[in-house]
Amino acid sequence: MISSIYLCKDKKTLQTKAGKSYYSMQLHDKTGSVDGKVWDLSNGIGYFESMDYIQVDAQVISFQGALQLNIRRVRKAGEGEYDPMDYMPCSRKNVEEMYAELTALIGTVKEPHLLALLKAVFMEDAEFIKAFKLHSAAKTIHHSFAGGLLEHSLSVAKLCEFYTVQYPVLNRDLLVTAALCHDIGKMREISALPENDYTDEGQLIGHIVMGTMMLEEKISRIEGFPVKLANELKHCILAHHGELEYGSPKKPALIEAVALAFADNTDAKLETFIEVLDSNAAKGEEWLGFNRMFDSNVRATSGH
């Protein structure tokens, strides 16, 4: 018998062939996931729903080659009995160090209106900051873990900063601002972890338009924000997927928008490949199978 707390990611009420009701669940903790079954819905089985943290007393059995929990007792876990961070995938990097790096980068922006905007978004709203630090950047594809949105936004901004050194024609303040802000719409498009699923608003509108709307709201509160600069920034956000078929409402018309689209694509694809390498590292195989993003059977290089 084991006694432990799990996140009930999914709970279904089903029936046996004999017509008896039972619960079938997907249970998660920091080690992974396991199937759980409650066959006897009698005393000892407390009320709980999907996405609840539950205290489980169960027998571990093997079913069709996989471990399964035969649950005898269950109750909702109380606050303080668990740390939510133990029940979700997290960035390999330190979140507070990344946030400090992001705020330091904001401090290098000289254009006063863009600086005021970045501070309003990332430094003055405590509730937003707390949520942003823990938010993922995707449901499944890349950076789909706690801290993923922060990690991706910072990586794209650093790539863009490098571009401005190589190509001085780029407006550094505009590009860095656009890079840091390009995916803030994902705060509303995707629900917070551990659920990490598309919201109704996200399905209907999408993060690109939602992020532009969020910036427009902040910009309206900054006195004297130049209309031309605001339009250029919003264009960069609206065009950051680069192509209409990739979800951008506009194709890039500014050189900064082109740079942002390349930086976003670079970080997304390289992180995806890194995650493929990491997930297959234990297998020791060179060829890792077909990957939809790369439309190719991908392979690890020497040393991976």
C-alpha atoms as a PDB file:
ATOM      1  CA  MET A   1       0.000   0.000   0.000  1.00  0.00           C
ATOM      2  CA  ILE A   2       1.096   3.567  -0.670  1.00  0.00           C
ATOM      3  CA  SER A   3      -0.189   6.843   0.760  1.00  0.00           C
ATOM      4  CA  SER A   4       0.580   9.963  -1.267  1.00  0.00           C
ATOM      5  CA  ILE A   5      -0.802  13.198  -2.727  1.00  0.00           C
ATOM      6  CA  TYR A   6      -1.428  13.433  -6.461  1.00  0.00           C
ATOM      7  CA  LEU A   7      -2.892  15.929  -8.893  1.00  0.00           C
ATOM      8  CA  CYS A   8      -6.016  14.357 -10.410  1.00  0.00           C
ATOM      9  CA  LYS A   9      -5.532  15.586 -13.979  1.00  0.00           C
ATOM     10  CA  ASP A  10      -8.560  13.749 -15.320  1.00  0.00           C
ATOM     11  CA  LYS A  11     -11.475  11.941 -13.643  1.00  0.00           C
ATOM     12  CA  LYS A  12     -14.148   9.903 -15.411  1.00  0.00           C
ATOM     13  CA  THR A  13     -17.096   8.013 -13.970  1.00  0.00           C
ATOM     14  CA  LEU A  14     -17.480   4.785 -15.960  1.00  0.00           C
ATOM     15  CA  GLN A  15     -19.326   1.501 -15.639  1.00  0.00           C
ATOM     16  CA  THR A  16     -18.134  -2.078 -15.538  1.00  0.00           C
ATOM     17  CA  LYS A  17     -19.702  -4.713 -17.779  1.00  0.00           C
ATOM     18  CA  ALA A  18     -21.874  -5.608 -14.806  1.00  0.00           C
ATOM     19  CA  GLY A  19     -23.207  -2.042 -14.646  1.00  0.00           C
ATOM     20  CA  LYS A  20     -21.304  -0.993 -11.504  1.00  0.00           C
ATOM     21  CA  SER A  21     -19.951   2.592 -11.451  1.00  0.00           C
ATOM     22  CA  TYR A  22     -16.248   3.264 -10.855  1.00  0.00           C
ATOM     23  CA  TYR A  23     -13.759   6.147 -11.210  1.00  0.00           C
ATOM     24  CA  SER A  24     -10.935   6.131 -13.755  1.00  0.00           C
ATOM     25  CA  MET A  25      -8.268   8.805 -13.253  1.00  0.00           C
ATOM     26  CA  GLN A  26      -4.967  10.131 -14.513  1.00  0.00           C
ATOM     27  CA  LEU A  27      -2.839  10.991 -11.471  1.00  0.00           C
ATOM     28  CA  HIS A  28       0.282  13.161 -11.634  1.00  0.00           C
ATOM     29  CA  ASP A  29       3.192  14.019  -9.384  1.00  0.00           C
ATOM     30  CA  LYS A  30       6.767  15.221 -10.023  1.00  0.00           C
ATOM     31  CA  THR A  31       7.856  11.702 -11.077  1.00  0.00           C
ATOM     32  CA  GLY A  32       5.276  11.380 -13.860  1.00  0.00           C
ATOM     33  CA  SER A  33       1.751  10.042 -14.275  1.00  0.00           C
ATOM     34  CA  VAL A  34      -0.113   6.849 -13.400  1.00  0.00           C
ATOM     35  CA  ASP A  35      -3.584   5.428 -13.975  1.00  0.00           C
ATOM     36  CA  GLY A  36      -5.794   5.187 -10.916  1.00  0.00           C
ATOM     37  CA  LYS A  37      -9.020   3.267 -10.380  1.00  0.00           C
ATOM     38  CA  VAL A  38     -11.634   3.461  -7.605  1.00  0.00           C
ATOM     39  CA  TRP A  39     -13.667   0.284  -7.929  1.00  0.00           C
ATOM     40  CA  ASP A  40     -15.665   0.603  -4.713  1.00  0.00           C
ATOM     41  CA  LEU A  41     -17.468   3.970  -4.395  1.00  0.00           C
ATOM     42  CA  SER A  42     -18.339   3.544  -0.728  1.00  0.00           C
ATOM     43  CA  ASN A  43     -16.991   4.755   2.616  1.00  0.00           C
ATOM     44  CA  GLY A  44     -13.511   6.228   2.434  1.00  0.00           C
ATOM     45  CA  ILE A  45     -14.043   7.789  -0.992  1.00  0.00           C
ATOM     46  CA  GLY A  46     -14.380  11.549  -0.514  1.00  0.00           C
ATOM     47  CA  TYR A  47     -15.685  14.102  -3.027  1.00  0.00           C
ATOM     48  CA  PHE A  48     -13.182  15.430  -5.567  1.00  0.00           C
ATOM     49  CA  GLU A  49     -13.070  16.515  -9.206  1.00  0.00           C
ATOM     50  CA  SER A  50     -10.561  16.806 -12.041  1.00  0.00           C
ATOM     51  CA  MET A  51      -7.683  19.220 -11.267  1.00  0.00           C
ATOM     52  CA  ASP A  52      -8.017  18.673  -7.519  1.00  0.00           C
ATOM     53  CA  TYR A  53      -5.042  17.613  -5.399  1.00  0.00           C
ATOM     54  CA  ILE A  54      -6.013  14.404  -3.642  1.00  0.00           C
ATOM     55  CA  GLN A  55      -4.619  12.268  -0.819  1.00  0.00           C
ATOM     56  CA  VAL A  56      -4.691   8.663  -1.976  1.00  0.00           C
ATOM     57  CA  ASP A  57      -4.264   5.360  -0.156  1.00  0.00           C
ATOM     58  CA  ALA A  58      -3.847   2.683  -2.787  1.00  0.00           C
ATOM     59  CA  GLN A  59      -2.426  -0.674  -3.758  1.00  0.00           C
ATOM     60  CA  VAL A  60       0.058  -0.679  -6.632  1.00  0.00           C
ATOM     61  CA  ILE A  61      -0.691  -3.347  -9.226  1.00  0.00           C
ATOM     62  CA  SER A  62       0.490  -4.192 -12.729  1.00  0.00           C
ATOM     63  CA  PHE A  63      -2.094  -4.090 -15.502  1.00  0.00           C
ATOM     64  CA  GLN A  64      -1.200  -4.871 -19.133  1.00  0.00           C
ATOM     65  CA  GLY A  65       2.456  -4.145 -18.458  1.00  0.00           C
ATOM     66  CA  ALA A  66       1.899  -0.775 -16.757  1.00  0.00           C
ATOM     67  CA  LEU A  67       1.598   0.251 -13.117  1.00  0.00           C
ATOM     68  CA  GLN A  68      -1.872   1.134 -11.863  1.00  0.00           C
ATOM     69  CA  LEU A  69      -3.211   2.317  -8.508  1.00  0.00           C
ATOM     70  CA  ASN A  70      -6.114   0.414  -6.994  1.00  0.00           C
ATOM     71  CA  ILE A  71      -7.430   3.167  -4.703  1.00  0.00           C
ATOM     72  CA  ARG A  72      -9.053   2.264  -1.381  1.00  0.00           C
ATOM     73  CA  ARG A  73      -9.315   5.719   0.250  1.00  0.00           C
ATOM     74  CA  VAL A  74      -9.223   9.229  -1.214  1.00  0.00           C
ATOM     75  CA  ARG A  75      -9.884  12.798  -0.053  1.00  0.00           C
ATOM     76  CA  LYS A  76      -9.149  16.301  -1.287  1.00  0.00           C
ATOM     77  CA  ALA A  77      -5.791  17.520   0.017  1.00  0.00           C
ATOM     78  CA  GLY A  78      -5.804  20.720   2.026  1.00  0.00           C
ATOM     79  CA  GLU A  79      -3.721  23.827   1.299  1.00  0.00           C
ATOM     80  CA  GLY A  80      -0.293  23.507   2.847  1.00  0.00           C
ATOM     81  CA  GLU A  81      -0.199  19.755   2.321  1.00  0.00           C
ATOM     82  CA  TYR A  82       1.402  20.062  -1.104  1.00  0.00           C
ATOM     83  CA  ASP A  83       3.490  22.387  -3.274  1.00  0.00           C
ATOM     84  CA  PRO A  84       1.874  22.895  -6.709  1.00  0.00           C
ATOM     85  CA  MET A  85       5.327  23.235  -8.290  1.00  0.00           C
ATOM     86  CA  ASP A  86       5.910  19.537  -7.514  1.00  0.00           C
ATOM     87  CA  TYR A  87       3.057  18.632  -9.860  1.00  0.00           C
ATOM     88  CA  MET A  88       4.051  20.413 -13.055  1.00  0.00           C
ATOM     89  CA  PRO A  89       6.984  20.432 -15.476  1.00  0.00           C
ATOM     90  CA  CYS A  90       9.322  23.368 -14.819  1.00  0.00           C
ATOM     91  CA  SER A  91      12.003  25.266 -16.687  1.00  0.00           C
ATOM     92  CA  ARG A  92      15.537  23.951 -16.246  1.00  0.00           C
ATOM     93  CA  LYS A  93      16.561  27.565 -15.607  1.00  0.00           C
ATOM     94  CA  ASN A  94      16.063  29.583 -12.428  1.00  0.00           C
ATOM     95  CA  VAL A  95      12.896  31.664 -12.791  1.00  0.00           C
ATOM     96  CA  GLU A  96      14.032  34.497 -10.515  1.00  0.00           C
ATOM     97  CA  GLU A  97      17.358  34.780 -12.324  1.00  0.00           C
ATOM     98  CA  MET A  98      15.562  34.939 -15.683  1.00  0.00           C
ATOM     99  CA  TYR A  99      13.193  37.622 -14.378  1.00  0.00           C
ATOM    100  CA  ALA A 100      16.163  39.651 -13.075  1.00  0.00           C
ATOM    101  CA  GLU A 101      17.765  39.361 -16.524  1.00  0.00           C
ATOM    102  CA  LEU A 102      14.529  40.500 -18.155  1.00  0.00           C
ATOM    103  CA  THR A 103      14.214  43.573 -15.922  1.00  0.00           C
ATOM    104  CA  ALA A 104      17.881  44.421 -16.528  1.00  0.00           C
ATOM    105  CA  LEU A 105      17.221  44.278 -20.266  1.00  0.00           C
ATOM    106  CA  ILE A 106      14.225  46.584 -19.817  1.00  0.00           C
ATOM    107  CA  GLY A 107      16.557  49.052 -18.108  1.00  0.00           C
ATOM    108  CA  THR A 108      18.603  49.362 -21.317  1.00  0.00           C
ATOM    109  CA  VAL A 109      15.639  50.684 -23.342  1.00  0.00           C
ATOM    110  CA  LYS A 110      16.155  54.416 -23.849  1.00  0.00           C
ATOM    111  CA  GLU A 111      12.978  55.513 -25.655  1.00  0.00           C
ATOM    112  CA  PRO A 112      10.876  56.843 -22.734  1.00  0.00           C
ATOM    113  CA  HIS A 113       7.462  55.674 -23.942  1.00  0.00           C
ATOM    114  CA  LEU A 114       8.636  52.142 -24.685  1.00  0.00           C
ATOM    115  CA  LEU A 115      10.436  52.042 -21.332  1.00  0.00           C
ATOM    116  CA  ALA A 116       7.270  53.169 -19.558  1.00  0.00           C
ATOM    117  CA  LEU A 117       5.280  50.499 -21.391  1.00  0.00           C
ATOM    118  CA  LEU A 118       7.701  47.707 -20.470  1.00  0.00           C
ATOM    119  CA  LYS A 119       7.681  48.776 -16.832  1.00  0.00           C
ATOM    120  CA  ALA A 120       3.872  48.877 -16.832  1.00  0.00           C
ATOM    121  CA  VAL A 121       3.680  45.358 -18.270  1.00  0.00           C
ATOM    122  CA  PHE A 122       6.509  43.543 -16.495  1.00  0.00           C
ATOM    123  CA  MET A 123       7.426  45.506 -13.367  1.00  0.00           C
ATOM    124  CA  GLU A 124       4.425  47.370 -11.921  1.00  0.00           C
ATOM    125  CA  ASP A 125       1.637  44.765 -11.862  1.00  0.00           C
ATOM    126  CA  ALA A 126       2.456  42.320  -9.055  1.00  0.00           C
ATOM    127  CA  GLU A 127      -0.367  39.917  -9.953  1.00  0.00           C
ATOM    128  CA  PHE A 128       0.692  39.787 -13.613  1.00  0.00           C
ATOM    129  CA  ILE A 129       4.370  39.310 -12.678  1.00  0.00           C
ATOM    130  CA  LYS A 130       3.589  36.373 -10.393  1.00  0.00           C
ATOM    131  CA  ALA A 131       1.487  34.665 -13.064  1.00  0.00           C
ATOM    132  CA  PHE A 132       3.936  35.479 -15.887  1.00  0.00           C
ATOM    133  CA  LYS A 133       6.841  33.845 -14.057  1.00  0.00           C
ATOM    134  CA  LEU A 134       4.961  30.537 -13.837  1.00  0.00           C
ATOM    135  CA  HIS A 135       3.120  30.540 -17.171  1.00  0.00           C
ATOM    136  CA  SER A 136       3.908  28.186 -20.036  1.00  0.00           C
ATOM    137  CA  ALA A 137       4.481  29.355 -23.602  1.00  0.00           C
ATOM    138  CA  ALA A 138       2.404  26.596 -25.214  1.00  0.00           C
ATOM    139  CA  LYS A 139       0.035  23.752 -24.521  1.00  0.00           C
ATOM    140  CA  THR A 140       2.245  21.024 -25.981  1.00  0.00           C
ATOM    141  CA  ILE A 141       4.794  22.156 -28.591  1.00  0.00           C
ATOM    142  CA  HIS A 142       7.643  24.170 -27.034  1.00  0.00           C
ATOM    143  CA  HIS A 143       8.261  25.711 -23.599  1.00  0.00           C
ATOM    144  CA  SER A 144       5.097  23.981 -22.311  1.00  0.00           C
ATOM    145  CA  PHE A 145       6.275  24.138 -18.699  1.00  0.00           C
ATOM    146  CA  ALA A 146       6.244  26.503 -15.724  1.00  0.00           C
ATOM    147  CA  GLY A 147       8.529  29.422 -16.525  1.00  0.00           C
ATOM    148  CA  GLY A 148       8.315  28.625 -20.227  1.00  0.00           C
ATOM    149  CA  LEU A 149       6.771  31.932 -21.288  1.00  0.00           C
ATOM    150  CA  LEU A 150       9.412  33.898 -19.381  1.00  0.00           C
ATOM    151  CA  GLU A 151      12.215  31.724 -20.781  1.00  0.00           C
ATOM    152  CA  HIS A 152      10.941  32.025 -24.366  1.00  0.00           C
ATOM    153  CA  SER A 153      10.316  35.795 -24.168  1.00  0.00           C
ATOM    154  CA  LEU A 154      13.798  36.398 -22.765  1.00  0.00           C
ATOM    155  CA  SER A 155      15.473  34.112 -25.323  1.00  0.00           C
ATOM    156  CA  VAL A 156      13.731  35.855 -28.228  1.00  0.00           C
ATOM    157  CA  ALA A 157      14.685  39.267 -26.833  1.00  0.00           C
ATOM    158  CA  LYS A 158      18.336  38.224 -26.486  1.00  0.00           C
ATOM    159  CA  LEU A 159      18.382  36.946 -30.065  1.00  0.00           C
ATOM    160  CA  CYS A 160      16.887  40.249 -31.198  1.00  0.00           C
ATOM    161  CA  GLU A 161      19.482  42.174 -29.204  1.00  0.00           C
ATOM    162  CA  PHE A 162      22.185  40.220 -31.042  1.00  0.00           C
ATOM    163  CA  TYR A 163      20.547  41.056 -34.374  1.00  0.00           C
ATOM    164  CA  THR A 164      20.772  44.767 -33.583  1.00  0.00           C
ATOM    165  CA  VAL A 165      24.546  44.435 -33.138  1.00  0.00           C
ATOM    166  CA  GLN A 166      24.924  42.609 -36.447  1.00  0.00           C
ATOM    167  CA  TYR A 167      22.440  44.858 -38.253  1.00  0.00           C
ATOM    168  CA  PRO A 168      22.609  48.402 -36.816  1.00  0.00           C
ATOM    169  CA  VAL A 169      19.778  49.509 -39.114  1.00  0.00           C
ATOM    170  CA  LEU A 170      17.390  47.837 -36.674  1.00  0.00           C
ATOM    171  CA  ASN A 171      15.636  50.065 -34.120  1.00  0.00           C
ATOM    172  CA  ARG A 172      16.941  48.382 -30.964  1.00  0.00           C
ATOM    173  CA  ASP A 173      14.395  49.799 -28.518  1.00  0.00           C
ATOM    174  CA  LEU A 174      11.454  48.919 -30.744  1.00  0.00           C
ATOM    175  CA  LEU A 175      12.718  45.409 -31.476  1.00  0.00           C
ATOM    176  CA  VAL A 176      13.615  44.532 -27.876  1.00  0.00           C
ATOM    177  CA  THR A 177      10.248  45.851 -26.669  1.00  0.00           C
ATOM    178  CA  ALA A 178       8.393  43.848 -29.308  1.00  0.00           C
ATOM    179  CA  ALA A 179      10.386  40.724 -28.452  1.00  0.00           C
ATOM    180  CA  LEU A 180       9.647  40.937 -24.738  1.00  0.00           C
ATOM    181  CA  CYS A 181       5.950  41.578 -25.396  1.00  0.00           C
ATOM    182  CA  HIS A 182       5.335  39.389 -28.433  1.00  0.00           C
ATOM    183  CA  ASP A 183       3.675  36.497 -26.566  1.00  0.00           C
ATOM    184  CA  ILE A 184       1.988  38.205 -23.605  1.00  0.00           C
ATOM    185  CA  GLY A 185      -1.374  37.260 -25.140  1.00  0.00           C
ATOM    186  CA  LYS A 186      -0.618  33.675 -24.102  1.00  0.00           C
ATOM    187  CA  MET A 187      -1.377  34.767 -20.549  1.00  0.00           C
ATOM    188  CA  ARG A 188      -5.019  34.823 -21.642  1.00  0.00           C
ATOM    189  CA  GLU A 189      -4.925  32.286 -24.461  1.00  0.00           C
ATOM    190  CA  ILE A 190      -3.705  29.417 -22.257  1.00  0.00           C
ATOM    191  CA  SER A 191      -4.904  28.712 -18.728  1.00  0.00           C
ATOM    192  CA  ALA A 192      -2.424  28.537 -15.879  1.00  0.00           C
ATOM    193  CA  LEU A 193      -0.605  25.330 -15.028  1.00  0.00           C
ATOM    194  CA  PRO A 194      -1.301  22.626 -14.090  1.00  0.00           C
ATOM    195  CA  GLU A 195      -4.378  22.798 -16.355  1.00  0.00           C
ATOM    196  CA  ASN A 196      -2.456  24.476 -19.228  1.00  0.00           C
ATOM    197  CA  ASP A 197      -5.267  24.320 -21.788  1.00  0.00           C
ATOM    198  CA  TYR A 198      -6.751  26.779 -24.280  1.00  0.00           C
ATOM    199  CA  THR A 199      -9.281  29.188 -22.824  1.00  0.00           C
ATOM    200  CA  ASP A 200     -12.529  30.005 -24.597  1.00  0.00           C
ATOM    201  CA  GLU A 201     -11.184  33.495 -25.352  1.00  0.00           C
ATOM    202  CA  GLY A 202      -7.951  31.979 -26.596  1.00  0.00           C
ATOM    203  CA  GLN A 203      -9.749  29.643 -28.983  1.00  0.00           C
ATOM    204  CA  LEU A 204     -11.882  32.460 -30.409  1.00  0.00           C
ATOM    205  CA  ILE A 205      -9.322  35.269 -30.650  1.00  0.00           C
ATOM    206  CA  GLY A 206      -5.795  33.873 -30.262  1.00  0.00           C
ATOM    207  CA  HIS A 207      -2.714  35.163 -28.482  1.00  0.00           C
ATOM    208  CA  ILE A 208      -1.435  37.417 -31.278  1.00  0.00           C
ATOM    209  CA  VAL A 209      -4.530  39.614 -31.373  1.00  0.00           C
ATOM    210  CA  MET A 210      -5.050  39.323 -27.618  1.00  0.00           C
ATOM    211  CA  GLY A 211      -1.490  40.462 -26.939  1.00  0.00           C
ATOM    212  CA  THR A 212      -1.934  43.436 -29.247  1.00  0.00           C
ATOM    213  CA  MET A 213      -5.130  44.361 -27.404  1.00  0.00           C
ATOM    214  CA  MET A 214      -3.334  44.108 -24.048  1.00  0.00           C
ATOM    215  CA  LEU A 215      -0.572  46.431 -25.265  1.00  0.00           C
ATOM    216  CA  GLU A 216      -3.086  48.879 -26.700  1.00  0.00           C
ATOM    217  CA  GLU A 217      -4.747  49.069 -23.279  1.00  0.00           C
ATOM    218  CA  LYS A 218      -1.410  49.825 -21.571  1.00  0.00           C
ATOM    219  CA  ILE A 219      -0.371  52.317 -24.251  1.00  0.00           C
ATOM    220  CA  SER A 220      -3.614  54.281 -23.823  1.00  0.00           C
ATOM    221  CA  ARG A 221      -2.582  55.036 -20.239  1.00  0.00           C
ATOM    222  CA  ILE A 222       0.861  56.415 -21.156  1.00  0.00           C
ATOM    223  CA  GLU A 223       0.610  60.144 -21.833  1.00  0.00           C
ATOM    224  CA  GLY A 224       1.971  61.305 -25.163  1.00  0.00           C
ATOM    225  CA  PHE A 225       2.770  57.844 -26.532  1.00  0.00           C
ATOM    226  CA  PRO A 226       3.531  58.522 -30.248  1.00  0.00           C
ATOM    227  CA  VAL A 227       0.859  57.061 -32.518  1.00  0.00           C
ATOM    228  CA  LYS A 228       3.420  56.069 -35.166  1.00  0.00           C
ATOM    229  CA  LEU A 229       5.560  54.219 -32.616  1.00  0.00           C
ATOM    230  CA  ALA A 230       2.501  52.472 -31.178  1.00  0.00           C
ATOM    231  CA  ASN A 231       1.464  51.296 -34.643  1.00  0.00           C
ATOM    232  CA  GLU A 232       4.970  50.016 -35.388  1.00  0.00           C
ATOM    233  CA  LEU A 233       5.058  48.058 -32.138  1.00  0.00           C
ATOM    234  CA  LYS A 234       1.592  46.594 -32.685  1.00  0.00           C
ATOM    235  CA  HIS A 235       2.556  45.629 -36.241  1.00  0.00           C
ATOM    236  CA  CYS A 236       5.574  43.700 -34.935  1.00  0.00           C
ATOM    237  CA  ILE A 237       3.308  41.748 -32.578  1.00  0.00           C
ATOM    238  CA  LEU A 238       0.675  41.102 -35.253  1.00  0.00           C
ATOM    239  CA  ALA A 239       3.299  39.867 -37.740  1.00  0.00           C
ATOM    240  CA  HIS A 240       5.538  37.835 -35.444  1.00  0.00           C
ATOM    241  CA  HIS A 241       4.552  34.431 -36.868  1.00  0.00           C
ATOM    242  CA  GLY A 242       5.841  35.661 -40.202  1.00  0.00           C
ATOM    243  CA  GLU A 243       3.242  34.134 -42.523  1.00  0.00           C
ATOM    244  CA  LEU A 244      -0.533  34.304 -42.773  1.00  0.00           C
ATOM    245  CA  GLU A 245      -0.778  30.511 -42.803  1.00  0.00           C
ATOM    246  CA  TYR A 246       1.066  30.402 -39.471  1.00  0.00           C
ATOM    247  CA  GLY A 247      -1.559  32.591 -37.808  1.00  0.00           C
ATOM    248  CA  SER A 248      -0.181  36.097 -38.288  1.00  0.00           C
ATOM    249  CA  PRO A 249      -2.928  38.607 -39.161  1.00  0.00           C
ATOM    250  CA  LYS A 250      -0.246  40.579 -41.050  1.00  0.00           C
ATOM    251  CA  LYS A 251       2.957  39.687 -42.881  1.00  0.00           C
ATOM    252  CA  PRO A 252       6.042  41.652 -41.767  1.00  0.00           C
ATOM    253  CA  ALA A 253       6.257  45.129 -43.353  1.00  0.00           C
ATOM    254  CA  LEU A 254       8.989  46.513 -41.066  1.00  0.00           C
ATOM    255  CA  ILE A 255      12.539  45.224 -40.796  1.00  0.00           C
ATOM    256  CA  GLU A 256      12.057  44.892 -37.037  1.00  0.00           C
ATOM    257  CA  ALA A 257       9.014  42.691 -37.654  1.00  0.00           C
ATOM    258  CA  VAL A 258      11.103  40.450 -39.934  1.00  0.00           C
ATOM    259  CA  ALA A 259      13.805  40.172 -37.259  1.00  0.00           C
ATOM    260  CA  LEU A 260      11.259  39.342 -34.557  1.00  0.00           C
ATOM    261  CA  ALA A 261       9.619  36.634 -36.677  1.00  0.00           C
ATOM    262  CA  PHE A 262      12.999  34.984 -37.318  1.00  0.00           C
ATOM    263  CA  ALA A 263      13.998  35.155 -33.634  1.00  0.00           C
ATOM    264  CA  ASP A 264      10.665  33.700 -32.495  1.00  0.00           C
ATOM    265  CA  ASN A 265      10.889  30.877 -35.032  1.00  0.00           C
ATOM    266  CA  THR A 266      14.513  30.145 -34.127  1.00  0.00           C
ATOM    267  CA  ASP A 267      13.858  29.825 -30.403  1.00  0.00           C
ATOM    268  CA  ALA A 268      10.672  27.806 -30.863  1.00  0.00           C
ATOM    269  CA  LYS A 269      12.296  25.293 -33.206  1.00  0.00           C
ATOM    270  CA  LEU A 270      15.571  24.888 -31.340  1.00  0.00           C
ATOM    271  CA  GLU A 271      13.763  24.447 -28.007  1.00  0.00           C
ATOM    272  CA  THR A 272      11.481  21.865 -29.633  1.00  0.00           C
ATOM    273  CA  PHE A 273      14.524  19.944 -30.875  1.00  0.00           C
ATOM    274  CA  ILE A 274      16.154  20.170 -27.421  1.00  0.00           C
ATOM    275  CA  GLU A 275      13.004  18.745 -25.832  1.00  0.00           C
ATOM    276  CA  VAL A 276      13.009  15.887 -28.369  1.00  0.00           C
ATOM    277  CA  LEU A 277      16.655  15.148 -27.548  1.00  0.00           C
ATOM    278  CA  ASP A 278      15.980  15.275 -23.794  1.00  0.00           C
ATOM    279  CA  SER A 279      12.934  13.008 -23.983  1.00  0.00           C
ATOM    280  CA  ASN A 280      14.919  10.383 -25.918  1.00  0.00           C
ATOM    281  CA  ALA A 281      18.216  10.682 -24.039  1.00  0.00           C
ATOM    282  CA  ALA A 282      17.610   7.609 -21.874  1.00  0.00           C
ATOM    283  CA  LYS A 283      16.935   5.410 -24.908  1.00  0.00           C
ATOM    284  CA  GLY A 284      20.419   5.931 -26.335  1.00  0.00           C
ATOM    285  CA  GLU A 285      19.118   5.897 -29.899  1.00  0.00           C
ATOM    286  CA  GLU A 286      20.421   8.161 -32.693  1.00  0.00           C
ATOM    287  CA  TRP A 287      17.301   8.275 -34.858  1.00  0.00           C
ATOM    288  CA  LEU A 288      14.438   9.776 -32.845  1.00  0.00           C
ATOM    289  CA  GLY A 289      11.475   9.366 -35.169  1.00  0.00           C
ATOM    290  CA  PHE A 290       9.301  11.674 -37.247  1.00  0.00           C
ATOM    291  CA  ASN A 291       8.699  15.152 -35.857  1.00  0.00           C
ATOM    292  CA  ARG A 292       5.772  17.174 -37.182  1.00  0.00           C
ATOM    293  CA  MET A 293       7.368  20.595 -36.650  1.00  0.00           C
ATOM    294  CA  PHE A 294      10.422  19.677 -38.751  1.00  0.00           C
ATOM    295  CA  ASP A 295       8.486  17.411 -41.146  1.00  0.00           C
ATOM    296  CA  SER A 296      11.400  15.012 -40.871  1.00  0.00           C
ATOM    297  CA  ASN A 297      12.729  11.938 -39.137  1.00  0.00           C
ATOM    298  CA  VAL A 298      15.187  13.628 -36.756  1.00  0.00           C
ATOM    299  CA  ARG A 299      18.511  12.379 -35.421  1.00  0.00           C
ATOM    300  CA  ALA A 300      20.756  13.143 -32.479  1.00  0.00           C
ATOM    301  CA  THR A 301      24.292  14.316 -33.198  1.00  0.00           C
ATOM    302  CA  SER A 302      27.384  12.928 -31.474  1.00  0.00           C
ATOM    303  CA  GLY A 303      27.410  13.721 -27.774  1.00  0.00           C
ATOM    304  CA  HIS A 304      23.605  13.708 -27.338  1.00  0.00           C
END
